[in-house]
């Protein structure tokens, strides 16, 4: 009985083995007869089951070609460069892939083949195409972006036709980070699926100091000042307008200084200036640029109101009448200058205009002063002289007796200080002395013609001029010169020449004398 059971079990095992072998044989023969890749094999996302090895290889080569024709673009700022992967030396790396997938479930003993095919039925096997590129070509491609390296460009601002400040933003400076960009390129190649790709180059950025955001905040008026030049001569008005145009549009960064003289020189016809009255050695002379000091003075008052740092300022040698004493700022090339510094945390923009006799400077920036704080500037005169007695007579050796003309109005001497009052909620909080000024007195100048054949008359005029006696000169011109002899000592004086008819005193052009040209506009009073 026991022997029968053993024979039965043996027969069952043999039958099972034969059945398995038969199944394996069927599966194996099916794959081998067709010479195709087993079911459940994928390359990437593509099922290559049932393909022959040649068909699978053709498929892979088509994928390599597709990738090789795809374009990779490196973007750096607003610029870019592009190449195909083929141009970068793309090649298929794991070329033994087809042989490997072709052998799955088709090689080895029958049990191994059966097991591999059964495993594929339960879970697919996925393989990836591996690529390689030319390292030198890749690096050269990345390095080509260095042509787009750039320095930061500062923003700019300008005054619109409507009188409002307009701004244009700056751009960042870019420097290629070649190492990081190359690593990104290589990583993206490994992740590639299909289609073209765009890669943003890695860069080091340097932002401009003056950005669009900062400029857009610069719409506060920090200080403004206006003076009148409508009474000026044509030449002087031209100089005021020329000088203003050379300062208009100035953008001053924090910590940056500005020299008015440097901005407006040279005082030449080629630089846009005309001849106009200015003072030299206490007298009026025509010089190129006469009137330019009104430009620096007006800007000075705007700077004071903006509370910028004043580094250099000089008063005129003699008083001017378009601002109060101590509110002026004279310039004389190589001698006097008006210099100030932007001591604020933000840039400032200086807008200047000079039209139809009105000169204005406005300083724009970011207002940081408390809203309940206000300031005012008060001029105080400490002492002054009487200009009516200050007279100077000048002999004109190219004019006949009878010529008599006033060519310069008198200016009083004066000393003054400028005070800055600070208020909070309208209540005076502090008073600070801003500057002190001393203005020389200048005489009224009269020219007297002395050319005559009458030596006695000429001598008398020279004597009167030498003693600086205006009344004596006027008397001689009105009455002539009287001579006496010894026998006529007690008789009435004998008039040697009829009274000379004098010219009426000549007043200069209103723009030169009523609104006198500034001393030290161009030349220096010694």
Protein backbone atom coordinates (compact mmCIF):
# COMPACT_ATOMS: atom_id res chain seq x y z
CA UNK A 1 0.00 0.00 0.00
CA UNK A 2 2.78 2.33 1.01
CA UNK A 3 4.58 1.69 -2.24
CA UNK A 4 1.52 2.65 -4.24
CA UNK A 5 1.27 5.98 -2.45
CA UNK A 6 4.90 6.82 -3.17
CA UNK A 7 4.53 5.95 -6.83
CA UNK A 8 1.40 8.18 -7.00
CA UNK A 9 3.23 11.20 -5.49
CA UNK A 10 6.16 10.72 -7.83
CA UNK A 11 3.87 10.61 -10.82
CA UNK A 12 2.14 13.84 -9.63
CA UNK A 13 5.49 15.68 -9.32
CA UNK A 14 6.60 14.53 -12.69
CA UNK A 15 3.35 15.68 -14.23
CA UNK A 16 3.66 19.10 -12.57
CA UNK A 17 7.21 19.54 -13.80
CA UNK A 18 6.19 18.50 -17.25
CA UNK A 19 3.29 20.97 -17.14
CA UNK A 20 5.60 23.83 -16.03
CA UNK A 21 8.12 22.90 -18.65
CA UNK A 22 5.45 22.79 -21.25
CA UNK A 23 4.19 26.23 -20.20
CA UNK A 24 7.66 27.68 -20.22
CA UNK A 25 8.27 26.11 -23.55
CA UNK A 26 5.12 27.63 -24.95
CA UNK A 27 5.94 31.13 -23.63
CA UNK A 28 9.55 30.87 -24.68
CA UNK A 29 8.79 29.52 -28.07
CA UNK A 30 6.21 32.22 -28.66
CA UNK A 31 8.77 34.94 -27.96
CA UNK A 32 11.61 33.20 -29.73
CA UNK A 33 9.56 32.35 -32.79
CA UNK A 34 8.60 35.97 -33.23
CA UNK A 35 12.08 37.21 -32.15
CA UNK A 36 10.38 40.08 -30.35
CA UNK A 37 10.78 41.78 -27.01
CA UNK A 38 8.72 40.26 -24.22
CA UNK A 39 5.51 41.80 -22.96
CA UNK A 40 5.77 44.41 -20.19
CA UNK A 41 9.00 46.11 -21.34
CA UNK A 42 9.07 49.94 -21.58
CA UNK A 43 11.66 52.46 -22.64
CA UNK A 44 10.67 55.68 -20.99
CA UNK A 45 6.90 55.83 -21.28
CA UNK A 46 6.81 53.82 -24.49
CA UNK A 47 5.79 50.11 -24.46
CA UNK A 48 8.20 48.32 -26.76
CA UNK A 49 6.67 44.86 -26.18
CA UNK A 50 6.40 42.89 -29.39
CA UNK A 51 9.03 45.00 -31.17
CA UNK A 52 11.98 43.31 -32.74
CA UNK A 53 15.40 44.41 -31.61
CA UNK A 54 15.84 46.39 -34.82
CA UNK A 55 12.48 48.10 -34.33
CA UNK A 56 13.34 48.96 -30.73
CA UNK A 57 16.72 50.33 -31.77
CA UNK A 58 15.09 52.42 -34.51
CA UNK A 59 12.69 53.81 -31.92
CA UNK A 60 15.51 54.79 -29.58
CA UNK A 61 17.47 56.42 -32.39
CA UNK A 62 14.40 58.43 -33.36
CA UNK A 63 14.13 59.67 -29.76
CA UNK A 64 17.79 60.63 -29.76
CA UNK A 65 17.31 62.49 -33.05
CA UNK A 66 14.23 64.24 -31.71
CA UNK A 67 16.14 65.41 -28.68
CA UNK A 68 19.12 66.39 -30.84
CA UNK A 69 16.89 68.64 -32.97
CA UNK A 70 15.35 70.30 -29.92
CA UNK A 71 16.58 73.77 -29.06
CA UNK A 72 17.92 74.80 -25.68
CA UNK A 73 17.94 78.53 -24.96
CA UNK A 74 19.90 80.33 -22.26
CA UNK A 75 18.14 83.52 -21.15
CA UNK A 76 20.19 86.24 -19.42
CA UNK A 77 18.32 89.43 -18.69
CA UNK A 78 16.72 90.55 -21.93
CA UNK A 79 19.22 88.63 -24.07
CA UNK A 80 19.50 84.99 -25.04
CA UNK A 81 21.54 82.43 -26.99
CA UNK A 82 20.27 79.15 -28.47
CA UNK A 83 21.70 75.86 -29.75
CA UNK A 84 20.32 72.42 -30.58
CA UNK A 85 21.35 69.50 -28.42
CA UNK A 86 23.09 68.03 -31.47
CA UNK A 87 25.24 71.16 -31.67
CA UNK A 88 26.15 70.52 -28.06
CA UNK A 89 27.41 67.04 -29.02
CA UNK A 90 24.42 65.00 -27.85
CA UNK A 91 24.90 61.19 -28.16
CA UNK A 92 23.13 58.02 -27.04
CA UNK A 93 25.15 56.72 -24.09
CA UNK A 94 23.71 53.30 -23.05
CA UNK A 95 23.77 51.72 -26.50
CA UNK A 96 23.57 48.18 -24.97
CA UNK A 97 20.00 48.96 -23.91
CA UNK A 98 18.36 47.13 -26.83
CA UNK A 99 20.40 43.99 -26.26
CA UNK A 100 19.48 44.06 -22.58
CA UNK A 101 15.74 44.42 -23.08
CA UNK A 102 15.75 41.87 -25.93
CA UNK A 103 17.12 39.18 -23.63
CA UNK A 104 14.41 39.58 -20.99
CA UNK A 105 12.42 36.34 -20.87
CA UNK A 106 14.09 35.04 -24.00
CA UNK A 107 17.50 33.78 -22.82
CA UNK A 108 18.70 31.36 -20.20
CA UNK A 109 17.24 28.01 -19.16
CA UNK A 110 13.57 27.36 -19.42
CA UNK A 111 12.88 28.05 -15.77
CA UNK A 112 14.64 31.42 -15.88
CA UNK A 113 12.83 32.43 -19.06
CA UNK A 114 9.51 31.40 -17.56
CA UNK A 115 10.15 33.27 -14.33
CA UNK A 116 11.22 36.50 -16.10
CA UNK A 117 8.17 36.46 -18.33
CA UNK A 118 5.87 35.76 -15.40
CA UNK A 119 7.48 38.70 -13.54
CA UNK A 120 6.87 40.95 -16.55
CA UNK A 121 3.23 39.90 -16.55
CA UNK A 122 2.92 40.94 -12.94
CA UNK A 123 5.04 44.15 -13.15
CA UNK A 124 6.41 45.96 -16.17
CA UNK A 125 10.09 46.79 -16.48
CA UNK A 126 11.00 50.38 -17.37
CA UNK A 127 14.29 51.49 -18.91
CA UNK A 128 15.59 54.98 -19.77
CA UNK A 129 17.67 56.24 -22.64
CA UNK A 130 20.86 57.75 -21.26
CA UNK A 131 22.56 60.65 -23.05
CA UNK A 132 25.95 62.27 -23.11
CA UNK A 133 27.02 65.64 -24.50
CA UNK A 134 30.34 67.21 -25.35
CA UNK A 135 31.57 68.87 -22.15
CA UNK A 136 33.62 71.49 -24.00
CA UNK A 137 30.68 72.40 -26.23
CA UNK A 138 28.41 72.78 -23.21
CA UNK A 139 30.89 75.03 -21.40
CA UNK A 140 31.47 77.17 -24.47
CA UNK A 141 27.70 77.55 -24.87
CA UNK A 142 27.35 78.75 -21.29
CA UNK A 143 30.41 81.00 -21.50
CA UNK A 144 28.93 82.73 -24.56
CA UNK A 145 26.49 84.43 -22.19
CA UNK A 146 29.34 86.47 -20.76
CA UNK A 147 28.76 88.88 -23.62
CA UNK A 148 25.63 89.94 -21.77
CA UNK A 149 27.47 90.94 -18.59
CA UNK A 150 26.51 94.52 -17.78
CA UNK A 151 27.02 97.27 -15.24
CA UNK A 152 24.01 98.62 -13.33
CA UNK A 153 22.30 101.56 -15.03
CA UNK A 154 21.02 104.25 -12.72
CA UNK A 155 17.48 105.48 -13.09
CA UNK A 156 16.78 108.97 -14.37
CA UNK A 157 14.15 111.61 -13.92
CA UNK A 158 13.07 114.70 -15.81
CA UNK A 159 10.51 117.46 -15.68
CA UNK A 160 7.49 116.86 -17.87
CA UNK A 161 5.79 119.52 -19.96
CA UNK A 162 3.12 119.74 -17.27
CA UNK A 163 5.71 120.75 -14.67
CA UNK A 164 5.51 117.40 -12.91
CA UNK A 165 8.50 115.18 -12.20
CA UNK A 166 8.74 112.12 -14.44
CA UNK A 167 10.88 109.07 -13.71
CA UNK A 168 12.45 106.23 -15.64
CA UNK A 169 13.70 103.18 -13.77
CA UNK A 170 17.24 101.85 -13.70
CA UNK A 171 18.35 98.32 -14.56
CA UNK A 172 20.38 95.80 -12.58
CA UNK A 173 23.94 94.98 -13.49
CA UNK A 174 24.34 91.29 -14.42
CA UNK A 175 27.39 89.03 -14.18
CA UNK A 176 27.12 85.44 -15.40
CA UNK A 177 27.61 82.65 -12.85
CA UNK A 178 28.97 80.17 -15.39
CA UNK A 179 29.44 77.28 -12.96
CA UNK A 180 25.87 77.37 -11.64
CA UNK A 181 24.44 77.84 -15.14
CA UNK A 182 26.39 74.84 -16.48
CA UNK A 183 25.14 72.66 -13.60
CA UNK A 184 21.57 73.72 -14.31
CA UNK A 185 22.00 72.93 -18.01
CA UNK A 186 23.28 69.46 -17.23
CA UNK A 187 20.47 68.75 -14.79
CA UNK A 188 17.83 69.87 -17.23
CA UNK A 189 19.29 67.60 -19.88
CA UNK A 190 18.83 64.61 -17.56
CA UNK A 191 15.22 65.59 -16.89
CA UNK A 192 14.45 66.19 -20.55
CA UNK A 193 11.31 64.59 -21.99
CA UNK A 194 10.50 66.33 -25.25
CA UNK A 195 10.34 69.74 -26.91
CA UNK A 196 12.46 72.87 -26.68
CA UNK A 197 13.52 74.28 -23.33
CA UNK A 198 14.38 77.67 -21.84
CA UNK A 199 16.95 77.93 -19.06
CA UNK A 200 17.40 81.10 -17.03
CA UNK A 201 21.11 81.72 -16.63
CA UNK A 202 22.34 82.07 -13.06
CA UNK A 203 23.68 85.58 -12.51
CA UNK A 204 25.07 87.84 -9.82
CA UNK A 205 22.95 91.00 -9.70
CA UNK A 206 24.08 94.46 -8.71
CA UNK A 207 21.16 96.82 -8.30
CA UNK A 208 21.53 100.53 -9.14
CA UNK A 209 21.44 103.01 -6.31
CA UNK A 210 18.73 104.92 -8.10
CA UNK A 211 15.91 102.49 -8.78
CA UNK A 212 12.50 103.10 -10.29
CA UNK A 213 10.93 102.54 -6.89
CA UNK A 214 13.14 105.18 -5.31
CA UNK A 215 12.55 107.67 -8.11
CA UNK A 216 8.80 107.28 -7.81
CA UNK A 217 9.06 108.50 -4.22
CA UNK A 218 10.90 111.68 -5.23
CA UNK A 219 7.82 113.81 -5.73
CA UNK A 220 8.07 115.97 -2.60
CA UNK A 221 9.13 119.61 -2.88
CA UNK A 222 11.92 120.04 -0.35
CA UNK A 223 12.67 123.66 -1.20
CA UNK A 224 11.80 126.25 -3.83
CA UNK A 225 12.83 129.88 -4.49
CA UNK A 226 11.96 132.51 -7.08
CA UNK A 227 13.53 135.85 -8.06
CA UNK A 228 12.62 138.46 -10.67
CA UNK A 229 14.94 139.45 -13.51
CA UNK A 230 12.36 141.19 -15.69
CA UNK A 231 14.15 144.56 -15.42
CA UNK A 232 17.43 143.11 -16.72
CA UNK A 233 18.98 144.09 -20.01
CA UNK A 234 18.69 141.63 -22.89
CA UNK A 235 22.24 140.35 -22.43
CA UNK A 236 21.84 139.88 -18.69
CA UNK A 237 18.52 138.06 -19.17
CA UNK A 238 20.18 135.73 -21.66
CA UNK A 239 22.91 134.94 -19.15
CA UNK A 240 20.39 134.17 -16.42
CA UNK A 241 18.55 131.80 -18.71
CA UNK A 242 21.76 130.15 -19.98
CA UNK A 243 23.11 129.58 -16.48
CA UNK A 244 19.78 128.18 -15.26
CA UNK A 245 19.63 125.69 -18.13
CA UNK A 246 23.06 124.34 -17.17
CA UNK A 247 21.86 123.49 -13.64
CA UNK A 248 18.35 122.32 -14.51
CA UNK A 249 17.96 118.56 -14.37
CA UNK A 250 20.79 117.92 -11.91
CA UNK A 251 20.39 114.67 -9.99
CA UNK A 252 22.41 114.60 -6.78
CA UNK A 253 22.98 111.32 -4.97
CA UNK A 254 23.31 111.07 -1.18
CA UNK A 255 26.70 112.42 -0.12
CA UNK A 256 27.35 114.03 -3.52
CA UNK A 257 28.40 117.70 -3.73
CA UNK A 258 27.52 120.31 -6.34
CA UNK A 259 29.54 123.36 -7.42
CA UNK A 260 27.63 126.10 -9.22
CA UNK A 261 30.80 127.50 -10.77
CA UNK A 262 31.81 124.12 -12.19
CA UNK A 263 28.32 123.74 -13.66
CA UNK A 264 28.14 127.09 -15.45
CA UNK A 265 31.68 127.93 -16.63
CA UNK A 266 33.30 128.92 -18.91
CA UNK A 267 31.87 132.41 -19.30
CA UNK A 268 32.33 132.69 -23.04
CA UNK A 269 30.20 133.42 -26.06
CA UNK A 270 30.79 129.83 -27.22
CA UNK A 271 29.20 128.60 -23.98
CA UNK A 272 26.07 130.66 -24.58
CA UNK A 273 26.84 133.83 -22.61
CA UNK A 274 26.38 137.46 -23.65
CA UNK A 275 28.10 140.68 -22.59
CA UNK A 276 26.29 142.24 -19.65
CA UNK A 277 27.17 144.63 -16.80
CA UNK A 278 29.16 143.37 -13.85
CA UNK A 279 31.33 145.04 -11.23
CA UNK A 280 35.08 145.36 -11.31
CA UNK A 281 36.99 147.46 -8.79
CA UNK A 282 33.78 149.23 -7.80
CA UNK A 283 32.78 150.16 -11.34
CA UNK A 284 30.36 148.77 -13.88
CA UNK A 285 31.97 146.94 -16.79
CA UNK A 286 30.60 144.66 -19.47
CA UNK A 287 31.64 141.02 -19.07
CA UNK A 288 30.46 137.74 -20.50
CA UNK A 289 28.07 136.13 -18.03
CA UNK A 290 27.01 139.26 -16.17
CA UNK A 291 23.92 138.32 -14.11
CA UNK A 292 24.97 134.73 -13.38
CA UNK A 293 25.05 135.46 -9.65
CA UNK A 294 21.28 135.79 -9.63
CA UNK A 295 21.19 132.13 -10.70
CA UNK A 296 23.43 130.99 -7.84
CA UNK A 297 21.54 133.22 -5.38
CA UNK A 298 18.15 131.80 -6.30
CA UNK A 299 19.48 128.25 -6.01
CA UNK A 300 21.01 129.15 -2.63
CA UNK A 301 17.61 130.10 -1.26
CA UNK A 302 16.07 126.84 -2.49
CA UNK A 303 18.94 124.89 -0.90
CA UNK A 304 18.39 126.70 2.41
CA UNK A 305 14.72 125.74 2.41
CA UNK A 306 15.59 122.13 1.58
CA UNK A 307 18.05 122.26 4.51
CA UNK A 308 20.89 120.80 2.52
CA UNK A 309 24.47 121.15 3.70
CA UNK A 310 26.07 124.40 2.49
CA UNK A 311 29.83 123.97 2.05
CA UNK A 312 30.84 127.30 0.50
CA UNK A 313 28.96 130.57 0.09
CA UNK A 314 30.09 134.18 -0.31
CA UNK A 315 28.05 137.38 -0.27
CA UNK A 316 28.43 139.91 -3.05
CA UNK A 317 30.91 142.70 -2.52
CA UNK A 318 28.06 145.17 -2.90
CA UNK A 319 24.33 144.84 -2.27
CA UNK A 320 21.96 143.38 -4.83
CA UNK A 321 18.29 144.22 -4.86
CA UNK A 322 16.60 140.94 -5.86
CA UNK A 323 17.02 139.31 -2.43
CA UNK A 324 17.37 140.54 1.14
CA UNK A 325 20.86 141.05 2.56
CA UNK A 326 22.63 137.78 3.49
CA UNK A 327 20.32 135.76 1.21
CA UNK A 328 22.67 136.10 -1.77
CA UNK A 329 25.41 133.78 -3.05
CA UNK A 330 28.01 135.28 -5.36
CA UNK A 331 30.32 133.37 -7.67
CA UNK A 332 33.56 134.49 -9.33
CA UNK A 333 35.54 131.90 -11.24
CA UNK A 334 38.58 130.85 -9.24
CA UNK A 335 37.69 133.11 -6.31
CA UNK A 336 34.17 132.54 -5.00
CA UNK A 337 31.82 129.60 -5.39
CA UNK A 338 28.54 128.28 -4.06
CA UNK A 339 28.93 124.61 -3.12
CA UNK A 340 26.48 122.35 -1.31
CA UNK A 341 26.13 118.64 -0.49
CA UNK A 342 23.12 116.35 -0.53
CA UNK A 343 23.27 115.27 3.11
CA UNK A 344 19.96 113.40 2.88
CA UNK A 345 19.43 109.65 2.69
CA UNK A 346 17.79 109.85 -0.74
CA UNK A 347 18.67 111.50 -4.06
CA UNK A 348 17.47 114.98 -4.92
CA UNK A 349 16.49 116.44 -8.28
CA UNK A 350 17.02 120.13 -9.11
CA UNK A 351 14.57 121.68 -11.54
CA UNK A 352 15.38 125.17 -12.78
CA UNK A 353 13.45 127.47 -15.09
CA UNK A 354 13.94 131.04 -16.32
CA UNK A 355 11.19 132.46 -18.52
CA UNK A 356 9.73 135.93 -19.04
CA UNK A 357 11.66 137.49 -16.17
CA UNK A 358 10.92 134.85 -13.52
CA UNK A 359 13.73 132.62 -12.27
CA UNK A 360 12.87 129.56 -10.16
CA UNK A 361 14.67 126.60 -8.66
CA UNK A 362 12.78 123.71 -7.05
CA UNK A 363 14.44 120.81 -5.26
CA UNK A 364 12.55 117.50 -5.32
CA UNK A 365 13.20 114.54 -3.05
CA UNK A 366 11.72 112.35 -0.34
CA UNK A 367 10.33 114.42 2.53
CA UNK A 368 11.38 113.02 5.91
CA UNK A 369 10.92 116.12 8.09
CA UNK A 370 8.01 116.11 10.57
CA UNK A 371 4.79 117.53 9.14
CA UNK A 372 4.32 119.83 12.15
CA UNK A 373 7.77 121.41 11.65
CA UNK A 374 8.31 124.59 9.61
CA UNK A 375 11.20 126.99 9.01
CA UNK A 376 11.70 130.60 7.94
CA UNK A 377 14.75 132.70 7.11
CA UNK A 378 15.00 136.26 8.41
CA UNK A 379 17.55 138.84 7.28
CA UNK A 380 18.73 141.27 9.97
CA UNK A 381 20.69 144.44 9.12
CA UNK A 382 23.28 145.26 11.78
CA UNK A 383 24.72 148.49 10.35
CA UNK A 384 24.60 150.57 7.17
CA UNK A 385 26.03 153.70 5.58
CA UNK A 386 24.34 156.66 3.90
CA UNK A 387 24.92 156.24 0.15
CA UNK A 388 23.80 159.77 -0.78
CA UNK A 389 27.14 161.33 0.19
CA UNK A 390 29.24 158.67 -1.51
CA UNK A 391 30.38 160.25 -4.78
CA UNK A 392 33.25 159.64 -7.19
CA UNK A 393 34.20 161.98 -10.06
CA UNK A 394 36.07 160.68 -13.10
CA UNK A 395 37.80 162.89 -15.66
CA UNK A 396 36.90 161.84 -19.24
CA UNK A 397 39.82 162.80 -21.43
CA UNK A 398 37.94 161.73 -24.54
CA UNK A 399 34.95 164.01 -23.92
CA UNK A 400 34.66 167.79 -24.35
CA UNK A 401 33.88 170.10 -21.51
CA UNK A 402 30.13 170.02 -21.11
CA UNK A 403 29.88 166.24 -20.98
CA UNK A 404 28.64 165.28 -17.53
CA UNK A 405 26.98 161.90 -16.88
CA UNK A 406 26.16 159.69 -13.93
CA UNK A 407 27.21 156.16 -14.92
CA UNK A 408 26.68 154.32 -11.65
CA UNK A 409 24.22 154.59 -8.79
CA UNK A 410 25.54 154.60 -5.23
CA UNK A 411 25.35 151.50 -3.06
CA UNK A 412 25.23 151.68 0.66
CA UNK A 413 27.62 149.74 2.82
CA UNK A 414 25.87 147.26 5.05
CA UNK A 415 26.47 144.38 7.44
CA UNK A 416 23.80 141.72 7.98
CA UNK A 417 23.15 138.25 9.37
CA UNK A 418 20.68 135.60 8.29
CA UNK A 419 18.69 133.73 10.93
CA UNK A 420 16.86 130.43 10.60
CA UNK A 421 13.77 130.10 12.78
CA UNK A 422 12.41 126.62 13.48
CA UNK A 423 8.78 126.14 14.50
CA UNK A 424 6.78 123.15 15.75
CA UNK A 425 3.02 123.51 15.51
CA UNK A 426 3.58 127.22 14.84
CA UNK A 427 5.57 127.77 18.04
CA UNK A 428 9.15 129.03 17.74
CA UNK A 429 11.47 126.28 18.92
CA UNK A 430 14.95 127.43 17.93
CA UNK A 431 16.84 130.22 16.13
CA UNK A 432 20.11 129.48 14.34
CA UNK A 433 22.49 131.91 12.63
CA UNK A 434 22.96 130.82 9.03
CA UNK A 435 25.59 133.32 7.85
CA UNK A 436 26.92 136.84 8.16
CA UNK A 437 27.64 139.28 5.34
CA UNK A 438 29.43 142.56 4.83
CA UNK A 439 28.71 144.67 1.75
CA UNK A 440 31.06 147.46 0.71
CA UNK A 441 29.74 150.89 -0.06
CA UNK A 442 30.14 151.94 -3.67
CA UNK A 443 29.94 155.54 -4.89
CA UNK A 444 27.74 157.22 -7.38
CA UNK A 445 30.13 157.72 -10.29
CA UNK A 446 30.00 160.83 -12.48
CA UNK A 447 32.03 161.24 -15.63
CA UNK A 448 33.19 164.79 -16.45
CA UNK A 449 34.48 165.86 -19.89
CA UNK A 450 37.75 167.86 -19.61
CA UNK A 451 38.78 168.44 -23.23
CA UNK A 452 38.99 172.23 -23.93
CA UNK A 453 41.39 174.89 -25.29
CA UNK A 454 40.78 176.97 -22.18
CA UNK A 455 43.57 175.88 -19.87
CA UNK A 456 42.12 177.77 -16.95
CA UNK A 457 38.80 176.00 -17.33
CA UNK A 458 40.48 172.60 -17.68
CA UNK A 459 42.65 173.29 -14.64
CA UNK A 460 39.63 174.29 -12.59
CA UNK A 461 37.77 171.13 -13.55
CA UNK A 462 40.76 168.93 -12.73
CA UNK A 463 41.05 170.65 -9.36
CA UNK A 464 37.36 170.09 -8.60
CA UNK A 465 37.55 166.46 -9.75
CA UNK A 466 40.68 165.89 -7.66
CA UNK A 467 38.90 167.20 -4.56
CA UNK A 468 35.88 165.07 -5.48
CA UNK A 469 33.58 168.09 -5.19
CA UNK A 470 30.40 167.53 -7.18
CA UNK A 471 29.05 170.99 -6.32
CA UNK A 472 32.24 172.70 -7.53
CA UNK A 473 32.17 170.80 -10.84
CA UNK A 474 28.51 171.68 -11.33
CA UNK A 475 29.26 175.35 -10.51
CA UNK A 476 32.15 175.50 -13.00
CA UNK A 477 30.06 173.91 -15.72
CA UNK A 478 27.20 176.28 -14.97
CA UNK A 479 29.12 179.54 -14.49
CA UNK A 480 32.49 179.12 -16.18
CA UNK A 481 35.85 180.24 -14.68
CA UNK A 482 36.37 183.81 -13.36
CA UNK A 483 39.80 185.56 -13.46
CA UNK A 484 40.99 188.63 -11.50
CA UNK A 485 43.90 191.09 -12.15
CA UNK A 486 45.62 193.35 -9.59
CA UNK A 487 43.93 196.53 -10.98
CA UNK A 488 40.57 194.82 -11.03
CA UNK A 489 40.81 193.36 -7.55
CA UNK A 490 38.00 195.57 -6.28
CA UNK A 491 36.01 195.53 -9.47
CA UNK A 492 33.42 192.98 -10.49
CA UNK A 493 34.88 189.69 -11.62
CA UNK A 494 35.52 189.26 -15.30
CA UNK A 495 34.09 186.08 -16.77
CA UNK A 496 36.62 184.55 -19.17
CA UNK A 497 34.25 182.18 -20.81
CA UNK A 498 30.53 181.93 -21.09
CA UNK A 499 28.89 179.36 -18.85
CA UNK A 500 29.16 175.93 -20.33
CA UNK A 501 25.93 174.18 -21.20
CA UNK A 502 26.07 170.80 -19.50
CA UNK A 503 24.35 167.62 -20.41
CA UNK A 504 21.65 166.40 -18.15
CA UNK A 505 22.85 163.57 -15.87
CA UNK A 506 22.64 160.36 -17.80
CA UNK A 507 20.99 157.35 -16.16
CA UNK A 508 22.06 153.95 -17.33
CA UNK A 509 19.70 151.32 -18.64
CA UNK A 510 17.08 150.46 -15.97
CA UNK A 511 18.12 146.84 -16.10
CA UNK A 512 21.68 147.88 -15.21
CA UNK A 513 21.14 150.61 -12.61
CA UNK A 514 17.64 150.33 -11.14
CA UNK A 515 18.31 146.59 -10.87
CA UNK A 516 22.11 146.96 -10.75
CA UNK A 517 24.33 144.14 -11.94
CA UNK A 518 25.80 142.08 -9.17
CA UNK A 519 29.28 142.89 -8.02
CA UNK A 520 31.49 139.83 -8.45
CA UNK A 521 29.23 138.37 -11.11
CA UNK A 522 32.27 137.63 -13.20
CA UNK A 523 35.12 139.92 -12.11
CA UNK A 524 36.43 140.50 -8.63
CA UNK A 525 36.32 143.76 -6.75
CA UNK A 526 39.73 144.43 -5.28
